[in-house]
Amino acid sequence: MQAGDVGVIARVPFDEGALTGMVRPNTIFPDGDFRNRYFAGERKIEVWERVQSIAADIGVPVAEIASVALRFSLSHPAVSTTIAGMRSTRNVERNVEAAEAGPLTDEQLEALRPHRWLRDFYPR
């Protein structure tokens, strides 16, 4: 993308809320919310365990994982912007703070490499 001078928009940096630290094994979504399907079965447990592991490996509290996710999306030089969900003024403020903090360090990016998670939650 960089060679062609094409802007990249990264979407869903919080993975439908998984990378906010707010999806826990006992999280209940409202009736009709698509996340009931997205996080069906053992997925909430898997997500919670993964978030805790990521936070531990890069040395941040789980409460900062959304900032890390947003900064990760913005760390690649080809990414021009990201589409981050926000449901409150405080979410907007936190997203701006994360973006202003800049890209993750090389050490943090390297620590995240083993957390690459190939999965497909969607039925075929």
C-alpha atoms as a PDB file:
ATOM      1  CA  MET A   1       0.000   0.000   0.000  1.00  0.00           C
ATOM      2  CA  GLN A   2       2.796   2.396   0.804  1.00  0.00           C
ATOM      3  CA  ALA A   3       4.445   1.922  -2.594  1.00  0.00           C
ATOM      4  CA  GLY A   4       1.202   2.867  -4.336  1.00  0.00           C
ATOM      5  CA  ASP A   5       0.630   5.836  -2.028  1.00  0.00           C
ATOM      6  CA  VAL A   6      -2.757   4.410  -1.047  1.00  0.00           C
ATOM      7  CA  GLY A   7      -4.337   5.259   2.277  1.00  0.00           C
ATOM      8  CA  VAL A   8      -5.459   2.364   4.454  1.00  0.00           C
ATOM      9  CA  ILE A   9      -8.379   2.579   6.846  1.00  0.00           C
ATOM     10  CA  ALA A  10      -8.182  -0.025   9.605  1.00  0.00           C
ATOM     11  CA  ARG A  11     -11.640  -1.062  10.768  1.00  0.00           C
ATOM     12  CA  VAL A  12     -12.868  -2.694  13.965  1.00  0.00           C
ATOM     13  CA  PRO A  13      -9.685  -2.159  16.007  1.00  0.00           C
ATOM     14  CA  PHE A  14     -11.486  -3.323  19.150  1.00  0.00           C
ATOM     15  CA  ASP A  15     -12.738  -6.549  17.517  1.00  0.00           C
ATOM     16  CA  GLU A  16     -16.394  -5.839  18.271  1.00  0.00           C
ATOM     17  CA  GLY A  17     -15.444  -4.992  21.871  1.00  0.00           C
ATOM     18  CA  ALA A  18     -13.204  -7.998  22.525  1.00  0.00           C
ATOM     19  CA  LEU A  19     -10.121  -5.796  22.743  1.00  0.00           C
ATOM     20  CA  THR A  20     -11.591  -3.336  25.197  1.00  0.00           C
ATOM     21  CA  GLY A  21     -11.235  -5.621  28.202  1.00  0.00           C
ATOM     22  CA  MET A  22     -14.983  -5.343  28.741  1.00  0.00           C
ATOM     23  CA  VAL A  23     -15.984  -8.729  27.293  1.00  0.00           C
ATOM     24  CA  ARG A  24     -15.664 -11.159  30.158  1.00  0.00           C
ATOM     25  CA  PRO A  25     -16.961 -14.689  30.663  1.00  0.00           C
ATOM     26  CA  ASN A  26     -20.062 -13.386  32.461  1.00  0.00           C
ATOM     27  CA  THR A  27     -20.815 -10.520  30.038  1.00  0.00           C
ATOM     28  CA  ILE A  28     -24.457 -10.432  28.965  1.00  0.00           C
ATOM     29  CA  PHE A  29     -25.435  -8.595  25.806  1.00  0.00           C
ATOM     30  CA  PRO A  30     -28.966  -7.289  25.202  1.00  0.00           C
ATOM     31  CA  ASP A  31     -31.439  -9.444  23.293  1.00  0.00           C
ATOM     32  CA  GLY A  32     -31.001  -8.972  19.564  1.00  0.00           C
ATOM     33  CA  ASP A  33     -27.381  -7.766  19.894  1.00  0.00           C
ATOM     34  CA  PHE A  34     -25.216  -9.428  17.210  1.00  0.00           C
ATOM     35  CA  ARG A  35     -22.495  -9.963  19.820  1.00  0.00           C
ATOM     36  CA  ASN A  36     -24.611 -12.777  21.280  1.00  0.00           C
ATOM     37  CA  ARG A  37     -23.703 -14.736  18.143  1.00  0.00           C
ATOM     38  CA  TYR A  38     -20.195 -13.312  17.726  1.00  0.00           C
ATOM     39  CA  PHE A  39     -19.219 -14.276  21.271  1.00  0.00           C
ATOM     40  CA  ALA A  40     -21.271 -17.484  21.443  1.00  0.00           C
ATOM     41  CA  GLY A  41     -20.096 -20.685  23.096  1.00  0.00           C
ATOM     42  CA  GLU A  42     -16.684 -20.421  24.731  1.00  0.00           C
ATOM     43  CA  ARG A  43     -15.676 -17.269  22.862  1.00  0.00           C
ATOM     44  CA  LYS A  44     -16.142 -14.888  25.793  1.00  0.00           C
ATOM     45  CA  ILE A  45     -13.830 -17.061  27.876  1.00  0.00           C
ATOM     46  CA  GLU A  46     -11.308 -17.292  25.018  1.00  0.00           C
ATOM     47  CA  VAL A  47     -11.397 -13.514  24.539  1.00  0.00           C
ATOM     48  CA  TRP A  48     -11.001 -12.782  28.251  1.00  0.00           C
ATOM     49  CA  GLU A  49      -8.040 -15.154  28.573  1.00  0.00           C
ATOM     50  CA  ARG A  50      -6.395 -13.686  25.489  1.00  0.00           C
ATOM     51  CA  VAL A  51      -6.864 -10.090  26.695  1.00  0.00           C
ATOM     52  CA  GLN A  52      -5.300 -10.952  30.046  1.00  0.00           C
ATOM     53  CA  SER A  53      -2.370 -12.635  28.291  1.00  0.00           C
ATOM     54  CA  ILE A  54      -1.812  -9.678  25.956  1.00  0.00           C
ATOM     55  CA  ALA A  55      -1.919  -7.212  28.845  1.00  0.00           C
ATOM     56  CA  ALA A  56       0.571  -9.285  30.844  1.00  0.00           C
ATOM     57  CA  ASP A  57       2.957  -9.737  27.914  1.00  0.00           C
ATOM     58  CA  ILE A  58       3.199  -6.026  27.159  1.00  0.00           C
ATOM     59  CA  GLY A  59       3.049  -4.922  30.794  1.00  0.00           C
ATOM     60  CA  VAL A  60      -0.182  -2.932  30.883  1.00  0.00           C
ATOM     61  CA  PRO A  61      -3.321  -3.323  32.964  1.00  0.00           C
ATOM     62  CA  VAL A  62      -6.367  -4.802  31.216  1.00  0.00           C
ATOM     63  CA  ALA A  63      -7.991  -1.370  31.573  1.00  0.00           C
ATOM     64  CA  GLU A  64      -5.503  -0.075  28.971  1.00  0.00           C
ATOM     65  CA  ILE A  65      -6.056  -2.799  26.395  1.00  0.00           C
ATOM     66  CA  ALA A  66      -8.394  -0.675  24.239  1.00  0.00           C
ATOM     67  CA  SER A  67      -5.700   1.982  23.965  1.00  0.00           C
ATOM     68  CA  VAL A  68      -3.185  -0.695  22.995  1.00  0.00           C
ATOM     69  CA  ALA A  69      -5.557  -2.077  20.334  1.00  0.00           C
ATOM     70  CA  LEU A  70      -6.111   1.345  18.812  1.00  0.00           C
ATOM     71  CA  ARG A  71      -2.430   2.212  18.898  1.00  0.00           C
ATOM     72  CA  PHE A  72      -1.604  -1.173  17.341  1.00  0.00           C
ATOM     73  CA  SER A  73      -3.916  -0.390  14.426  1.00  0.00           C
ATOM     74  CA  LEU A  74      -2.234   2.958  13.942  1.00  0.00           C
ATOM     75  CA  SER A  75       1.317   1.596  14.310  1.00  0.00           C
ATOM     76  CA  HIS A  76       1.666   0.392  10.728  1.00  0.00           C
ATOM     77  CA  PRO A  77       2.946   3.215   8.521  1.00  0.00           C
ATOM     78  CA  ALA A  78       0.474   2.354   5.729  1.00  0.00           C
ATOM     79  CA  VAL A  79      -2.522   2.968   8.009  1.00  0.00           C
ATOM     80  CA  SER A  80      -3.936   6.457   7.549  1.00  0.00           C
ATOM     81  CA  THR A  81      -6.763   6.167  10.066  1.00  0.00           C
ATOM     82  CA  THR A  82      -8.949   3.700  11.866  1.00  0.00           C
ATOM     83  CA  ILE A  83     -12.655   3.404  12.466  1.00  0.00           C
ATOM     84  CA  ALA A  84     -13.025   3.021  16.206  1.00  0.00           C
ATOM     85  CA  GLY A  85     -16.427   2.477  17.746  1.00  0.00           C
ATOM     86  CA  MET A  86     -17.489   4.821  20.484  1.00  0.00           C
ATOM     87  CA  ARG A  87     -20.661   4.906  22.524  1.00  0.00           C
ATOM     88  CA  SER A  88     -19.913   7.776  24.859  1.00  0.00           C
ATOM     89  CA  THR A  89     -18.033  11.038  25.116  1.00  0.00           C
ATOM     90  CA  ARG A  90     -15.534   9.285  27.392  1.00  0.00           C
ATOM     91  CA  ASN A  91     -14.874   6.683  24.654  1.00  0.00           C
ATOM     92  CA  VAL A  92     -14.120   9.510  22.216  1.00  0.00           C
ATOM     93  CA  GLU A  93     -11.761  11.123  24.723  1.00  0.00           C
ATOM     94  CA  ARG A  94      -9.946   7.832  25.339  1.00  0.00           C
ATOM     95  CA  ASN A  95      -9.624   7.166  21.608  1.00  0.00           C
ATOM     96  CA  VAL A  96      -8.110  10.615  21.065  1.00  0.00           C
ATOM     97  CA  GLU A  97      -5.696  10.060  23.965  1.00  0.00           C
ATOM     98  CA  ALA A  98      -4.639   6.712  22.490  1.00  0.00           C
ATOM     99  CA  ALA A  99      -4.119   8.176  19.019  1.00  0.00           C
ATOM    100  CA  GLU A 100      -2.109  11.065  20.457  1.00  0.00           C
ATOM    101  CA  ALA A 101       0.091   8.594  22.364  1.00  0.00           C
ATOM    102  CA  GLY A 102       1.392   7.434  18.986  1.00  0.00           C
ATOM    103  CA  PRO A 103       2.389   4.026  17.725  1.00  0.00           C
ATOM    104  CA  LEU A 104       3.389   1.184  19.985  1.00  0.00           C
ATOM    105  CA  THR A 105       7.086   0.625  20.560  1.00  0.00           C
ATOM    106  CA  ASP A 106       8.969  -1.974  18.562  1.00  0.00           C
ATOM    107  CA  GLU A 107       9.243  -4.018  21.757  1.00  0.00           C
ATOM    108  CA  GLN A 108       5.487  -3.926  22.299  1.00  0.00           C
ATOM    109  CA  LEU A 109       4.807  -4.869  18.681  1.00  0.00           C
ATOM    110  CA  GLU A 110       7.199  -7.794  18.965  1.00  0.00           C
ATOM    111  CA  ALA A 111       5.539  -8.941  22.213  1.00  0.00           C
ATOM    112  CA  LEU A 112       2.177  -8.889  20.410  1.00  0.00           C
ATOM    113  CA  ARG A 113       3.360 -11.040  17.494  1.00  0.00           C
ATOM    114  CA  PRO A 114       2.621 -14.387  19.218  1.00  0.00           C
ATOM    115  CA  HIS A 115      -0.932 -13.182  19.897  1.00  0.00           C
ATOM    116  CA  ARG A 116      -1.907 -13.205  16.248  1.00  0.00           C
ATOM    117  CA  TRP A 117      -5.244 -14.928  16.355  1.00  0.00           C
ATOM    118  CA  LEU A 118      -6.654 -16.482  13.223  1.00  0.00           C
ATOM    119  CA  ARG A 119     -10.258 -17.356  13.822  1.00  0.00           C
ATOM    120  CA  ASP A 120     -13.507 -17.180  11.977  1.00  0.00           C
ATOM    121  CA  PHE A 121     -16.562 -16.717  14.142  1.00  0.00           C
ATOM    122  CA  TYR A 122     -18.903 -16.517  11.199  1.00  0.00           C
ATOM    123  CA  PRO A 123     -20.865 -19.542   9.977  1.00  0.00           C
ATOM    124  CA  ARG A 124     -20.263 -20.518   6.391  1.00  0.00           C
END
